[in-house]
Protein backbone atom coordinates (compact mmCIF):
# COMPACT_ATOMS: atom_id res chain seq x y z
CA MET A 1 126.91 116.40 68.26
CA ARG A 2 127.74 117.94 71.58
CA THR A 3 131.31 118.37 72.34
CA VAL A 4 132.90 118.48 75.73
CA HIS A 5 135.85 120.88 76.46
CA GLY A 6 139.13 118.83 76.09
CA MET A 7 137.43 115.93 74.28
CA ARG A 8 136.88 117.35 70.83
CA GLY A 9 136.72 114.42 68.39
CA GLU A 10 139.54 114.52 65.70
CA GLY A 11 137.62 113.26 62.58
CA ALA A 12 138.55 109.99 60.98
CA VAL A 13 141.62 108.34 62.87
CA ARG A 14 143.85 105.76 61.30
CA VAL A 15 144.26 102.53 63.18
CA ALA A 16 147.71 101.37 62.96
CA ARG A 17 148.10 99.33 66.11
CA ALA A 18 145.53 97.37 68.08
CA LEU A 19 145.58 95.64 71.46
CA LEU A 20 143.57 92.51 71.85
CA SER A 21 142.86 90.73 75.12
CA VAL A 22 139.50 88.93 75.44
CA TYR A 23 137.82 86.32 77.55
CA ASP A 24 135.23 85.46 75.20
CA LYS A 25 137.12 84.54 71.94
CA THR A 26 133.99 84.22 69.65
CA GLY A 27 134.98 85.37 66.25
CA LEU A 28 138.30 86.77 67.43
CA VAL A 29 140.57 84.90 65.10
CA GLU A 30 138.68 86.17 61.95
CA PHE A 31 138.39 89.69 63.36
CA ALA A 32 142.19 89.83 63.88
CA LYS A 33 142.99 88.28 60.46
CA ASP A 34 140.84 91.18 58.88
CA LEU A 35 142.72 93.69 60.95
CA GLU A 36 146.20 92.30 60.01
CA ALA A 37 144.98 92.38 56.38
CA LEU A 38 144.23 96.10 56.63
CA GLY A 39 147.81 96.51 58.00
CA VAL A 40 147.10 96.83 61.62
CA GLU A 41 149.83 95.79 63.95
CA LEU A 42 148.56 93.17 66.68
CA ILE A 43 149.57 93.32 70.39
CA SER A 44 148.04 90.90 72.73
CA THR A 45 148.23 89.22 76.09
CA GLU A 46 149.70 85.64 76.27
CA GLY A 47 146.37 83.74 76.47
CA THR A 48 144.78 85.63 73.54
CA GLY A 49 147.98 85.93 71.72
CA ARG A 50 148.79 82.14 71.83
CA LEU A 51 145.59 81.62 70.07
CA LEU A 52 146.36 84.19 67.28
CA ARG A 53 149.85 82.87 66.86
CA GLU A 54 148.39 79.34 66.33
CA ALA A 55 146.12 80.91 63.63
CA GLY A 56 149.37 82.12 61.89
CA LEU A 57 149.05 85.64 62.89
CA PRO A 58 152.01 87.91 63.94
CA VAL A 59 151.45 89.02 67.33
CA ARG A 60 153.58 90.95 69.73
CA PHE A 61 153.06 89.89 73.42
CA VAL A 62 152.34 92.73 75.89
CA SER A 63 155.32 91.41 77.99
CA GLU A 64 157.55 92.18 74.96
CA LEU A 65 156.38 95.70 74.87
CA THR A 66 156.50 96.43 78.62
CA GLY A 67 159.53 94.19 79.54
CA PHE A 68 157.61 92.93 82.61
CA PRO A 69 156.06 89.25 82.57
CA GLU A 70 152.55 88.46 83.41
CA VAL A 71 152.33 87.66 87.17
CA LEU A 72 150.16 86.28 90.12
CA ASP A 73 148.70 83.73 87.81
CA GLY A 74 147.52 86.43 85.14
CA ARG A 75 145.97 88.71 87.80
CA VAL A 76 148.55 91.45 86.47
CA LYS A 77 148.91 91.37 82.79
CA THR A 78 148.30 94.64 81.10
CA LEU A 79 148.56 96.94 84.16
CA HIS A 80 151.84 98.84 83.00
CA PRO A 81 152.51 102.60 82.25
CA ALA A 82 153.80 101.48 78.76
CA ILE A 83 150.36 100.20 77.90
CA PHE A 84 148.22 102.97 79.37
CA ALA A 85 150.29 105.59 78.05
CA ALA A 86 150.27 104.28 74.53
CA ILE A 87 146.38 104.29 74.89
CA LEU A 88 145.87 107.59 76.69
CA ALA A 89 148.33 109.90 74.65
CA ARG A 90 146.51 112.73 72.89
CA ARG A 91 147.45 112.64 69.24
CA GLY A 92 148.87 115.98 68.09
CA ARG A 93 149.66 117.28 71.55
CA GLU A 94 153.39 117.94 71.51
CA ASP A 95 154.21 116.98 75.07
CA ASP A 96 152.44 113.79 74.88
CA GLU A 97 154.02 112.79 71.58
CA ARG A 98 157.48 113.89 72.95
CA GLN A 99 157.05 111.60 76.03
CA LEU A 100 156.06 108.57 73.97
CA ARG A 101 159.15 109.08 71.75
CA GLU A 102 161.35 109.22 74.83
CA LEU A 103 159.90 106.06 76.19
CA GLY A 104 160.14 104.23 72.93
CA LEU A 105 156.46 103.75 72.58
CA ASP A 106 154.03 103.88 69.81
CA PRO A 107 150.36 104.87 70.28
CA ILE A 108 147.75 102.09 70.45
CA ASP A 109 144.70 103.03 68.24
CA LEU A 110 142.30 100.30 68.81
CA VAL A 111 141.54 98.46 72.15
CA VAL A 112 139.64 95.04 71.86
CA ILE A 113 138.57 93.82 75.27
CA ASN A 114 135.81 91.67 76.83
CA LEU A 115 135.47 91.05 80.45
CA TYR A 116 135.58 87.89 82.81
CA PRO A 117 131.91 86.63 83.14
CA PHE A 118 131.55 87.65 86.75
CA GLU A 119 127.68 87.30 86.78
CA ARG A 120 127.99 83.61 85.44
CA ALA A 121 130.83 82.85 87.84
CA VAL A 122 129.00 83.80 90.96
CA MET A 123 126.05 81.54 90.04
CA GLU A 124 128.32 78.60 89.40
CA LEU A 125 131.33 78.88 91.78
CA PRO A 126 132.19 79.16 95.50
CA LEU A 127 132.77 82.78 96.57
CA GLY A 128 136.51 82.47 96.55
CA GLU A 129 136.71 81.16 93.15
CA ALA A 130 134.07 83.67 91.83
CA LEU A 131 136.33 86.65 93.11
CA GLU A 132 138.95 85.63 90.48
CA TYR A 133 136.37 86.52 87.84
CA ILE A 134 136.41 90.37 88.91
CA ASP A 135 138.24 91.82 86.00
CA ILE A 136 140.58 94.61 86.81
CA GLY A 137 142.97 95.13 83.95
CA GLY A 138 140.13 94.81 81.33
CA VAL A 139 137.97 97.32 83.04
CA ALA A 140 140.86 99.73 83.32
CA LEU A 141 141.72 99.32 79.54
CA LEU A 142 138.12 99.83 78.41
CA ARG A 143 137.95 102.86 80.52
CA ALA A 144 141.31 104.25 79.16
CA ALA A 145 140.39 103.89 75.58
CA ALA A 146 136.82 105.05 76.16
CA LYS A 147 138.27 108.26 77.78
CA ASN A 148 140.45 108.82 74.78
CA TRP A 149 137.82 108.21 72.32
CA PRO A 150 138.78 111.33 70.17
CA TRP A 151 141.78 109.27 69.06
CA VAL A 152 141.14 105.67 70.18
CA GLY A 153 138.49 103.20 69.19
CA VAL A 154 137.31 100.53 71.82
CA VAL A 155 135.72 97.46 71.15
CA SER A 156 133.90 95.87 74.12
CA HIS A 157 131.89 93.02 72.65
CA PRO A 158 132.31 90.52 69.63
CA ARG A 159 128.98 91.81 68.00
CA GLN A 160 130.83 95.14 67.35
CA TYR A 161 133.51 93.35 65.23
CA PRO A 162 131.56 93.55 61.73
CA VAL A 163 130.64 97.25 62.38
CA VAL A 164 134.23 98.14 63.06
CA LEU A 165 135.60 96.23 60.34
CA ALA A 166 133.02 97.65 57.74
CA ALA A 167 134.05 101.15 59.03
CA LEU A 168 137.77 100.47 58.53
CA ARG A 169 137.30 99.09 55.03
CA GLN A 170 134.99 102.00 53.97
CA GLY A 171 137.41 104.62 55.57
CA GLY A 172 140.64 103.19 54.16
CA GLY A 173 141.78 102.07 57.62
CA LYS A 174 140.34 104.81 59.53
CA LEU A 175 137.72 105.03 62.18
CA PRO A 176 135.10 107.74 61.91
CA GLU A 177 134.45 110.15 64.89
CA ASP A 178 130.90 109.22 65.30
CA LEU A 179 131.65 105.62 65.59
CA ARG A 180 134.52 106.09 68.05
CA ARG A 181 132.32 108.07 70.25
CA LYS A 182 129.42 105.46 70.18
CA LEU A 183 132.00 102.70 70.91
CA ALA A 184 133.18 104.61 74.02
CA TRP A 185 129.64 105.11 75.19
CA GLU A 186 129.08 101.22 74.82
CA ALA A 187 132.23 100.62 76.82
CA PHE A 188 131.15 102.68 79.63
CA GLN A 189 127.94 101.04 79.58
CA ALA A 190 129.65 97.73 79.84
CA THR A 191 132.05 98.77 82.71
CA ALA A 192 129.12 100.43 84.53
CA THR A 193 126.96 97.30 84.28
CA TYR A 194 129.87 94.96 85.23
CA ASP A 195 130.65 97.10 88.46
CA ALA A 196 126.96 97.26 89.29
CA ALA A 197 126.66 93.41 89.24
CA ILE A 198 129.78 93.13 91.39
CA ALA A 199 128.42 95.67 93.88
CA ALA A 200 124.90 94.09 93.91
CA PHE A 201 126.64 90.66 94.72
CA LEU A 202 128.71 91.83 97.62
CA GLY A 203 125.85 93.98 99.09
CA GLU A 204 122.36 94.71 97.76
CA PRO A 205 121.19 96.59 94.76
CA LEU A 206 118.69 98.56 96.67
CA GLN A 207 121.01 98.94 99.74
CA GLY A 208 120.15 102.15 101.46
CA PHE A 209 116.43 101.82 101.17
CA SER A 210 114.82 101.04 104.53
CA ALA A 211 111.20 101.04 105.76
CA GLY A 212 110.56 104.24 107.42
CA GLY A 213 114.04 105.75 106.84
CA GLU A 214 115.19 108.48 104.49
CA LEU A 215 115.51 107.26 101.02
CA PRO A 216 119.07 107.29 99.68
CA GLN A 217 120.43 110.32 97.72
CA GLN A 218 121.81 108.28 94.95
CA VAL A 219 120.67 104.96 93.58
CA LEU A 220 122.64 102.74 91.00
CA LEU A 221 120.49 100.18 89.23
CA SER A 222 121.84 98.06 86.62
CA LEU A 223 119.34 96.45 84.19
CA ARG A 224 119.75 93.41 81.95
CA LYS A 225 117.43 92.59 79.22
CA VAL A 226 115.61 89.45 79.55
CA GLN A 227 113.61 89.41 76.41
CA ASP A 228 112.29 91.53 73.72
CA LEU A 229 108.41 91.84 73.51
CA ARG A 230 106.39 91.83 70.51
CA TYR A 231 105.55 95.38 71.30
CA GLY A 232 104.50 97.62 74.18
CA GLU A 233 101.15 98.69 75.27
CA ASN A 234 100.29 99.12 71.53
CA PRO A 235 101.70 97.66 68.16
CA HIS A 236 103.36 101.00 67.41
CA GLN A 237 105.49 100.96 70.61
CA GLN A 238 108.72 98.87 71.36
CA GLY A 239 108.85 96.94 74.53
CA ALA A 240 111.23 94.66 76.42
CA LEU A 241 111.66 93.11 79.93
CA TYR A 242 114.58 93.72 81.86
CA ARG A 243 115.62 92.50 85.44
CA ILE A 244 117.63 94.39 88.11
CA LEU A 245 120.94 92.81 88.34
CA GLY A 246 121.83 91.38 91.79
CA ALA A 247 118.20 91.79 93.12
CA PRO A 248 116.18 88.62 93.89
CA VAL A 249 114.63 87.42 90.83
CA GLY A 250 110.99 88.36 90.98
CA PRO A 251 108.03 85.89 90.43
CA LEU A 252 107.41 87.07 87.13
CA VAL A 253 110.94 87.63 85.83
CA GLY A 254 111.63 84.10 87.16
CA ALA A 255 108.35 82.50 86.03
CA ARG A 256 108.60 79.47 83.64
CA LEU A 257 106.66 79.73 80.57
CA LEU A 258 105.22 76.20 80.32
CA HIS A 259 103.06 76.60 77.21
CA GLY A 260 101.91 79.16 74.85
CA LYS A 261 103.21 82.07 72.78
CA ALA A 262 105.49 84.77 74.27
CA LEU A 263 104.15 87.26 76.83
CA SER A 264 103.41 90.82 75.84
CA TYR A 265 103.88 94.08 77.71
CA ASN A 266 100.24 94.19 78.83
CA ASN A 267 100.39 90.39 79.84
CA PHE A 268 103.21 91.36 82.36
CA LEU A 269 101.23 94.20 83.80
CA ASP A 270 98.12 92.00 84.37
CA LEU A 271 100.16 89.19 85.63
CA GLU A 272 101.70 91.44 88.38
CA VAL A 273 98.25 92.19 89.55
CA ALA A 274 97.02 88.68 89.33
CA TRP A 275 99.87 87.16 91.31
CA GLY A 276 100.09 89.88 93.87
CA LEU A 277 96.24 89.57 94.58
CA VAL A 278 95.93 85.77 95.04
CA ASN A 279 98.92 85.90 97.32
CA GLU A 280 97.12 87.88 99.72
CA PHE A 281 95.12 84.87 100.66
CA SER A 282 96.31 81.62 102.36
CA GLU A 283 93.10 79.62 101.35
CA PRO A 284 92.58 78.53 97.81
CA ALA A 285 92.04 81.87 95.89
CA ALA A 286 91.63 82.72 92.36
CA CYS A 287 91.18 86.03 90.32
CA ILE A 288 90.64 87.17 86.74
CA ILE A 289 92.55 90.39 85.69
CA LYS A 290 91.54 92.79 82.85
CA HIS A 291 93.51 95.99 82.04
CA ALA A 292 95.48 95.70 85.30
CA SER A 293 92.48 95.57 87.47
CA PRO A 294 90.50 92.59 89.04
CA CYS A 295 87.02 91.85 87.46
CA GLY A 296 86.40 88.72 89.53
CA VAL A 297 87.96 87.14 92.72
CA GLY A 298 86.83 84.12 94.65
CA VAL A 299 88.03 82.30 97.91
CA ALA A 300 86.74 79.03 98.59
CA ARG A 301 87.73 75.45 100.00
CA THR A 302 88.96 74.13 96.85
CA LEU A 303 90.67 75.91 93.89
CA GLU A 304 88.01 74.77 91.43
CA GLU A 305 85.37 76.37 93.46
CA ALA A 306 87.51 79.53 93.99
CA TYR A 307 88.01 79.83 90.23
CA ARG A 308 84.46 79.21 89.40
CA LYS A 309 83.48 82.18 91.80
CA ALA A 310 86.03 84.44 90.21
CA ARG A 311 84.57 83.77 86.82
CA GLU A 312 81.01 83.90 87.64
CA ALA A 313 81.65 87.13 89.44
CA ASP A 314 81.52 89.03 86.18
CA PRO A 315 81.21 86.53 83.15
CA VAL A 316 81.24 89.20 80.49
CA SER A 317 84.46 90.73 81.66
CA SER A 318 86.17 87.53 82.42
CA PHE A 319 86.35 86.65 78.86
CA GLY A 320 89.93 87.14 77.50
CA GLY A 321 91.32 87.77 81.00
CA ILE A 322 94.39 86.74 83.00
CA VAL A 323 93.85 84.10 85.55
CA GLY A 324 95.81 84.07 88.77
CA LEU A 325 95.65 81.04 91.27
CA ASN A 326 97.54 80.58 94.43
CA GLN A 327 97.84 76.82 94.66
CA GLU A 328 98.88 74.24 92.35
CA VAL A 329 96.44 73.65 89.44
CA ASP A 330 94.63 70.30 89.58
CA GLY A 331 92.77 68.74 86.65
CA ALA A 332 89.30 69.77 87.80
CA THR A 333 90.41 73.53 88.10
CA ALA A 334 92.00 73.16 84.63
CA ARG A 335 88.67 71.78 83.01
CA GLU A 336 86.74 74.83 84.52
CA ILE A 337 89.45 77.28 82.91
CA SER A 338 89.26 75.64 79.69
CA THR A 339 85.63 76.36 79.23
CA LEU A 340 86.41 80.08 78.76
CA PHE A 341 88.99 81.86 76.63
CA VAL A 342 91.48 83.48 78.58
CA GLU A 343 95.12 85.00 77.80
CA ALA A 344 97.09 83.46 80.34
CA VAL A 345 97.14 81.45 83.75
CA ILE A 346 99.68 81.91 86.43
CA ALA A 347 99.98 79.68 89.49
CA PRO A 348 102.78 78.14 91.77
CA GLY A 349 102.67 74.83 89.57
CA PHE A 350 100.34 72.68 87.50
CA ALA A 351 99.67 68.88 87.95
CA ALA A 352 100.39 66.90 84.89
CA GLU A 353 96.67 66.45 84.16
CA ALA A 354 95.95 70.12 84.38
CA LEU A 355 98.94 70.89 82.18
CA GLU A 356 97.84 68.56 79.61
CA ILE A 357 94.39 69.90 79.76
CA LEU A 358 95.24 73.43 79.23
CA SER A 359 97.91 72.77 76.88
CA ARG A 360 95.27 71.78 74.34
CA LYS A 361 94.71 75.57 73.88
CA LYS A 362 97.46 76.38 71.52
CA ASN A 363 98.07 80.06 72.22
CA LEU A 364 97.25 79.93 76.07
CA ARG A 365 100.11 81.15 78.12
CA ILE A 366 100.73 78.94 81.14
CA LEU A 367 103.14 80.22 83.75
CA ALA A 368 104.50 78.62 86.90
CA ALA A 369 105.52 81.51 89.09
CA GLY A 370 108.83 81.72 90.91
CA GLY A 371 107.47 82.12 94.59
CA PRO A 372 105.30 84.98 96.21
CA PRO A 373 106.18 88.50 95.70
CA GLN A 374 109.36 89.52 97.40
CA VAL A 375 110.30 93.10 96.17
CA GLU A 376 109.84 95.67 98.76
CA TRP A 377 110.33 98.76 96.54
CA GLU A 378 108.71 99.71 93.27
CA PHE A 379 109.85 101.86 90.56
CA ARG A 380 107.78 103.90 87.91
CA SER A 381 108.99 106.20 85.25
CA VAL A 382 107.87 109.66 84.59
CA SER A 383 109.08 112.11 81.97
CA GLY A 384 112.85 112.30 82.79
CA GLY A 385 112.69 110.61 86.15
CA ILE A 386 111.89 107.78 88.40
CA LEU A 387 109.26 107.43 91.19
CA VAL A 388 110.04 105.21 94.18
CA GLN A 389 107.89 103.87 96.90
CA GLU A 390 107.62 101.11 99.26
CA VAL A 391 105.37 98.28 98.19
CA ASP A 392 102.00 98.53 99.67
CA ARG A 393 102.15 95.81 102.18
CA ALA A 394 99.98 97.43 105.02
CA PRO A 395 98.22 94.46 106.92
CA PHE A 396 94.61 94.36 107.93
CA ALA A 397 95.09 95.36 111.54
CA GLU A 398 92.21 94.54 113.57
CA SER A 399 93.44 96.52 116.56
CA SER A 400 93.32 99.84 114.46
CA LEU A 401 89.77 99.32 113.32
CA THR A 402 87.14 102.03 114.32
CA PHE A 403 83.55 100.97 114.53
CA VAL A 404 81.60 104.28 114.08
CA THR A 405 78.04 103.16 113.80
CA SER A 406 75.57 101.63 116.33
CA HIS A 407 75.11 98.79 114.06
CA LYS A 408 78.12 96.56 114.55
CA PRO A 409 79.27 94.13 111.95
CA THR A 410 78.47 90.35 112.57
CA PRO A 411 81.39 88.02 112.43
CA GLU A 412 80.32 86.97 108.95
CA GLN A 413 80.29 90.57 107.82
CA MET A 414 83.69 91.04 109.26
CA GLU A 415 85.05 88.03 107.43
CA GLU A 416 83.51 89.50 104.06
CA MET A 417 85.06 92.79 104.74
CA ARG A 418 88.51 91.37 105.27
CA PHE A 419 88.10 89.68 101.93
CA ALA A 420 86.85 92.80 100.21
CA TRP A 421 89.62 94.95 101.70
CA LYS A 422 92.27 92.69 100.45
CA VAL A 423 90.62 92.90 96.81
CA VAL A 424 90.10 96.65 96.65
CA LYS A 425 93.83 97.19 97.30
CA TRP A 426 94.49 95.63 93.85
CA ALA A 427 91.76 97.53 91.85
CA LYS A 428 92.63 100.82 90.06
CA SER A 429 91.57 103.66 92.29
CA ASN A 430 89.04 105.25 92.86
CA ALA A 431 87.91 101.71 93.55
CA ILE A 432 84.86 99.89 95.22
CA VAL A 433 84.41 96.25 95.78
CA ILE A 434 81.12 94.69 96.54
CA ALA A 435 81.33 91.18 98.04
CA ARG A 436 79.46 88.31 99.70
CA ASP A 437 80.34 84.70 100.26
CA ARG A 438 83.91 85.51 99.74
CA GLN A 439 83.29 86.35 95.99
CA THR A 440 83.38 89.72 94.38
CA VAL A 441 79.92 90.53 93.02
CA GLY A 442 80.49 93.97 91.79
CA ILE A 443 83.75 95.97 91.10
CA GLY A 444 83.82 99.70 90.21
CA ALA A 445 87.42 100.77 89.50
CA GLY A 446 89.61 103.55 87.97
CA GLN A 447 86.96 106.19 88.19
CA PRO A 448 87.57 110.07 88.54
CA ASN A 449 84.91 110.18 91.22
CA ARG A 450 83.91 107.71 93.96
CA VAL A 451 80.11 107.79 93.70
CA ASP A 452 80.40 106.67 89.99
CA ALA A 453 82.67 103.97 91.13
CA VAL A 454 79.81 102.84 93.47
CA ARG A 455 77.28 103.09 90.70
CA ILE A 456 79.33 100.83 88.50
CA ALA A 457 79.96 98.19 91.32
CA VAL A 458 76.19 98.14 92.20
CA ARG A 459 75.10 97.90 88.72
CA ARG A 460 77.31 94.84 88.16
CA ALA A 461 76.35 93.31 91.52
CA GLY A 462 72.67 93.74 90.70
CA GLU A 463 70.37 91.81 93.25
CA LYS A 464 73.58 90.25 94.72
CA ALA A 465 74.20 93.61 96.52
CA GLN A 466 71.37 92.81 98.76
CA GLY A 467 73.06 91.88 102.24
CA ALA A 468 76.66 92.44 100.70
CA VAL A 469 79.51 94.32 102.00
CA LEU A 470 81.30 97.20 100.35
CA ALA A 471 84.92 98.11 100.56
CA SER A 472 86.34 101.52 99.35
CA ASP A 473 90.11 102.08 98.78
CA GLY A 474 89.67 105.74 99.82
CA PHE A 475 87.58 107.70 101.99
CA PHE A 476 84.02 109.00 100.98
CA PRO A 477 84.27 112.66 100.33
CA PHE A 478 80.33 112.92 100.45
CA PRO A 479 77.50 110.89 101.58
CA ASP A 480 76.32 110.30 98.23
CA GLY A 481 78.36 107.07 97.73
CA VAL A 482 77.06 105.51 100.97
CA GLU A 483 73.46 106.44 99.86
CA GLU A 484 73.81 104.64 96.49
CA ALA A 485 75.18 101.57 98.39
CA ALA A 486 72.24 101.69 100.79
CA ARG A 487 69.81 101.88 97.96
CA ALA A 488 71.22 98.69 96.49
CA GLY A 489 70.96 96.80 99.68
CA VAL A 490 74.59 96.98 101.07
CA THR A 491 74.60 96.22 104.70
CA ALA A 492 78.19 96.90 105.75
CA ILE A 493 80.98 99.39 104.57
CA ILE A 494 84.81 99.35 105.20
CA GLN A 495 86.73 102.19 104.30
CA PRO A 496 89.79 104.35 105.58
CA GLY A 497 87.89 107.53 106.82
CA GLY A 498 89.51 110.80 106.97
CA SER A 499 87.26 113.07 105.10
CA VAL A 500 86.44 116.46 106.40
CA ARG A 501 82.73 115.10 105.88
CA ASP A 502 83.26 112.02 107.86
CA ALA A 503 80.49 112.94 110.19
CA GLU A 504 77.96 113.25 107.34
CA VAL A 505 79.15 110.03 105.85
CA ILE A 506 78.82 108.14 109.03
CA ALA A 507 75.37 109.74 109.74
CA ALA A 508 74.30 108.48 106.25
CA ALA A 509 75.34 104.95 107.25
CA GLN A 510 73.80 105.17 110.50
CA ALA A 511 70.50 106.39 109.07
CA HIS A 512 70.35 103.41 106.46
CA GLY A 513 71.21 100.79 109.19
CA ILE A 514 74.68 100.21 107.61
CA ALA A 515 77.46 99.01 109.67
CA MET A 516 80.56 101.07 109.11
CA VAL A 517 84.35 100.48 109.90
CA LEU A 518 87.17 102.78 109.40
CA THR A 519 90.64 101.29 108.80
CA GLY A 520 92.82 104.47 109.03
CA VAL A 521 94.66 102.96 105.94
CA ARG A 522 94.26 103.99 102.26
CA HIS A 523 94.81 101.72 99.36
CA PHE A 524 95.10 103.89 96.27
CA ARG A 525 96.57 102.14 93.14
CA HIS A 526 97.09 104.47 90.36
């Protein structure tokens, strides 16, 4: 174990005296009885102490030790030099021990504290009342005991009671060094999380992040586990879902699971894409996601028709996918969905008939999402670090489009290109989307080169590529991708432009009678 200068552990330390002051009194009486049976003297604040005295335990109140009463309706109870000196004194250090003797103080060896439930209070109470749940003394006591972990044990949660008691019994009333250090780490975790929740409530957890501005030098994120997952991407990997404290509850974290088994790690990744994609459209829209990339997307006058388009876009890949819908699901749409095995369905809501139909499938996960995506920043882990970027919300800006061929797109082709451009943004790069009649007919995604992405999209589209439009999330580095699309019968292409060979690419489009539009915006999604 790494040691820090001035903070060397002192082996097993005997616990002769314990301070107990808790809000959550779960298991406290039993824990205190076991401590008393081990010969530990009990010291407590009045609220906790009265409970222990009622249980027949001998307890000294803090006010008896300090000679100072609790004041300000309990706002000040333990904030006194007599308490903190007893906790912070370094055992074996002559000056510290001499000062304790002169003050008539005995060291405190175990501090048992849990904090006011601020997070719960701010959800249930007006601001003025919620502020009373910002713990001051408790946080200070935890920090003092954790700082002095070489000689003091600190218990910050009732779940630690059995571990501490087992160690004391096994050690003949002594706490081992490795446990004291672990308890100190958990105490600092508790106080850091607590302070982050308060800071997030008073401000914003991502305060300092601003579009177009310099990203902050330091970011404090506090995460709270929402649920354990069965496993991660693979069965041999652990996985869990956390939420950022103080941030708006996202549509997936806040989604209601109406039916079906628990969601997996991969389900969440697919659902993120599904929900983001369908919310690109105001008209009824549906998508089917596999491996975090769309395999079929449709927009239509009704949700049922939009879903049918999405499914028929790639019937083979649609099997076992994740369905995203941007409107409340009705009975007709539910019947269509029930004809194919899918893992999950996410939508703003479900009519009673739709829920009854879909619930017949025992394991189908049915989620009512908590609103459109709101997060403006996204985080990704790399070994030893976090990547941060703005969420890709670049609009389809008509004024910035450049028409680079003499063949100008028709209004119908422009409508199809708007559709395809919104879809390609959500496909893994390199990505190509071929579309017609507001339906994807061929998607090539996640390829190491763009011409292969075109070939895959063309193969999947087959004859439907005739007269269709094509969207590319990045520029064409060579004319070969355009030539592949031309051979398949594609008549219009939308792409960012910006290649050193743009002139050759545009010339290829011109030669094949393809209308080409440049957006000046790239939509990579790694």
